[in-house]
Amino acid sequence: MKINKRSEGSMLTIYIEGRLDTSTSPELSKELDSSLEGVTQLVFDFTLLEYISSSGLRVLLAAQKAMNGKGTMIVKNVSELVMEVFEITGFTDILTIE
């Protein structure tokens, strides 16, 4: 997995490439822990995300909870495969997906 970030004022966009699974989700979690200070809009761009597991879903849920009190979180450019995982798990009701 590869993580790229772009910060514009209080908006942080995180680009994820590859697989977000048991072996890579701790890296994203650590990155979020050190990056959310002062962020009021968090955007995940999943254009290059190939796969997400339950571990990846837990990281997204934790990020959503962290942002609930201080701003918004958006997930964009989701592939059909990842969207199917979101639908099956009910994450389409939890996340804002564009």
Protein backbone atom coordinates (compact mmCIF):
# COMPACT_ATOMS: atom_id res chain seq x y z
CA MET A 1 0.00 0.00 0.00
CA LYS A 2 1.12 3.51 -0.76
CA ILE A 3 -0.19 6.60 1.07
CA ASN A 4 0.03 10.12 -0.34
CA LYS A 5 -1.29 13.21 1.43
CA ARG A 6 -2.20 16.69 0.29
CA SER A 7 -3.08 19.40 2.77
CA GLU A 8 -4.93 22.57 1.81
CA GLY A 9 -5.70 24.72 4.84
CA SER A 10 -7.90 22.63 7.13
CA MET A 11 -8.64 20.05 4.42
CA LEU A 12 -6.55 16.87 4.22
CA THR A 13 -6.80 14.52 1.25
CA ILE A 14 -5.35 11.04 1.62
CA TYR A 15 -4.73 8.97 -1.49
CA ILE A 16 -4.51 5.22 -0.95
CA GLU A 17 -2.95 2.95 -3.56
CA GLY A 18 -2.99 -0.85 -3.42
CA ARG A 19 -4.55 -2.98 -0.69
CA LEU A 20 -5.88 -1.80 2.66
CA ASP A 21 -5.83 -4.98 4.73
CA THR A 22 -4.53 -6.53 7.93
CA SER A 23 -0.88 -5.94 7.06
CA THR A 24 -1.29 -2.35 5.82
CA SER A 25 -4.09 -0.85 7.92
CA PRO A 26 -1.82 -0.15 10.96
CA GLU A 27 0.27 2.11 8.71
CA LEU A 28 -2.81 4.14 7.70
CA SER A 29 -4.00 4.28 11.30
CA LYS A 30 -0.62 5.63 12.42
CA GLU A 31 -0.63 8.17 9.59
CA LEU A 32 -4.08 9.40 10.60
CA ASP A 33 -3.11 9.67 14.27
CA SER A 34 -0.31 12.06 13.35
CA SER A 35 -2.17 14.02 10.66
CA LEU A 36 -5.63 15.01 11.91
CA GLU A 37 -4.65 17.93 14.15
CA GLY A 38 -6.47 21.02 12.86
CA VAL A 39 -8.22 19.11 10.06
CA THR A 40 -11.93 19.89 9.61
CA GLN A 41 -12.41 18.11 6.28
CA LEU A 42 -10.86 14.70 5.68
CA VAL A 43 -11.06 13.24 2.17
CA PHE A 44 -10.03 9.74 1.20
CA ASP A 45 -9.39 9.27 -2.52
CA PHE A 46 -9.68 5.59 -3.39
CA THR A 47 -9.03 5.88 -7.13
CA LEU A 48 -6.11 3.43 -6.85
CA LEU A 49 -7.41 1.31 -3.95
CA GLU A 50 -7.72 -2.28 -5.15
CA TYR A 51 -9.03 -4.02 -2.04
CA ILE A 52 -10.25 -3.31 1.48
CA SER A 53 -10.60 -5.83 4.31
CA SER A 54 -12.32 -5.63 7.69
CA SER A 55 -9.11 -4.17 9.14
CA GLY A 56 -9.27 -1.35 6.62
CA LEU A 57 -12.94 -0.80 7.44
CA ARG A 58 -12.04 -0.45 11.13
CA VAL A 59 -9.53 2.29 10.28
CA LEU A 60 -12.17 4.15 8.26
CA LEU A 61 -14.67 3.80 11.11
CA ALA A 62 -12.12 5.17 13.59
CA ALA A 63 -11.39 8.09 11.24
CA GLN A 64 -15.12 8.80 10.88
CA LYS A 65 -15.52 8.82 14.68
CA ALA A 66 -12.53 11.14 15.05
CA MET A 67 -14.00 13.56 12.51
CA ASN A 68 -17.55 13.49 13.92
CA GLY A 69 -16.75 16.07 16.55
CA LYS A 70 -14.61 18.36 14.44
CA GLY A 71 -15.70 18.24 10.80
CA THR A 72 -16.52 16.02 7.86
CA MET A 73 -15.10 12.96 6.16
CA ILE A 74 -15.68 12.04 2.52
CA VAL A 75 -14.66 8.94 0.58
CA LYS A 76 -14.32 9.48 -3.18
CA ASN A 77 -13.57 7.54 -6.34
CA VAL A 78 -14.54 4.13 -4.97
CA SER A 79 -14.21 1.13 -7.30
CA GLU A 80 -17.08 -1.31 -7.80
CA LEU A 81 -15.32 -3.97 -5.73
CA VAL A 82 -14.73 -1.64 -2.76
CA MET A 83 -18.27 -0.24 -3.06
CA GLU A 84 -19.62 -3.77 -2.89
CA VAL A 85 -17.74 -4.28 0.40
CA PHE A 86 -19.19 -0.99 1.71
CA GLU A 87 -22.71 -2.06 0.72
CA ILE A 88 -22.47 -5.56 2.22
CA THR A 89 -21.10 -4.25 5.52
CA GLY A 90 -23.52 -1.32 5.80
CA PHE A 91 -20.74 1.26 5.51
CA THR A 92 -22.76 3.08 2.85
CA ASP A 93 -25.00 4.18 5.74
CA ILE A 94 -22.05 5.33 7.86
CA LEU A 95 -19.74 7.02 5.34
CA THR A 96 -20.27 9.91 2.96
CA ILE A 97 -19.29 8.41 -0.40
CA GLU A 98 -19.00 10.48 -3.56
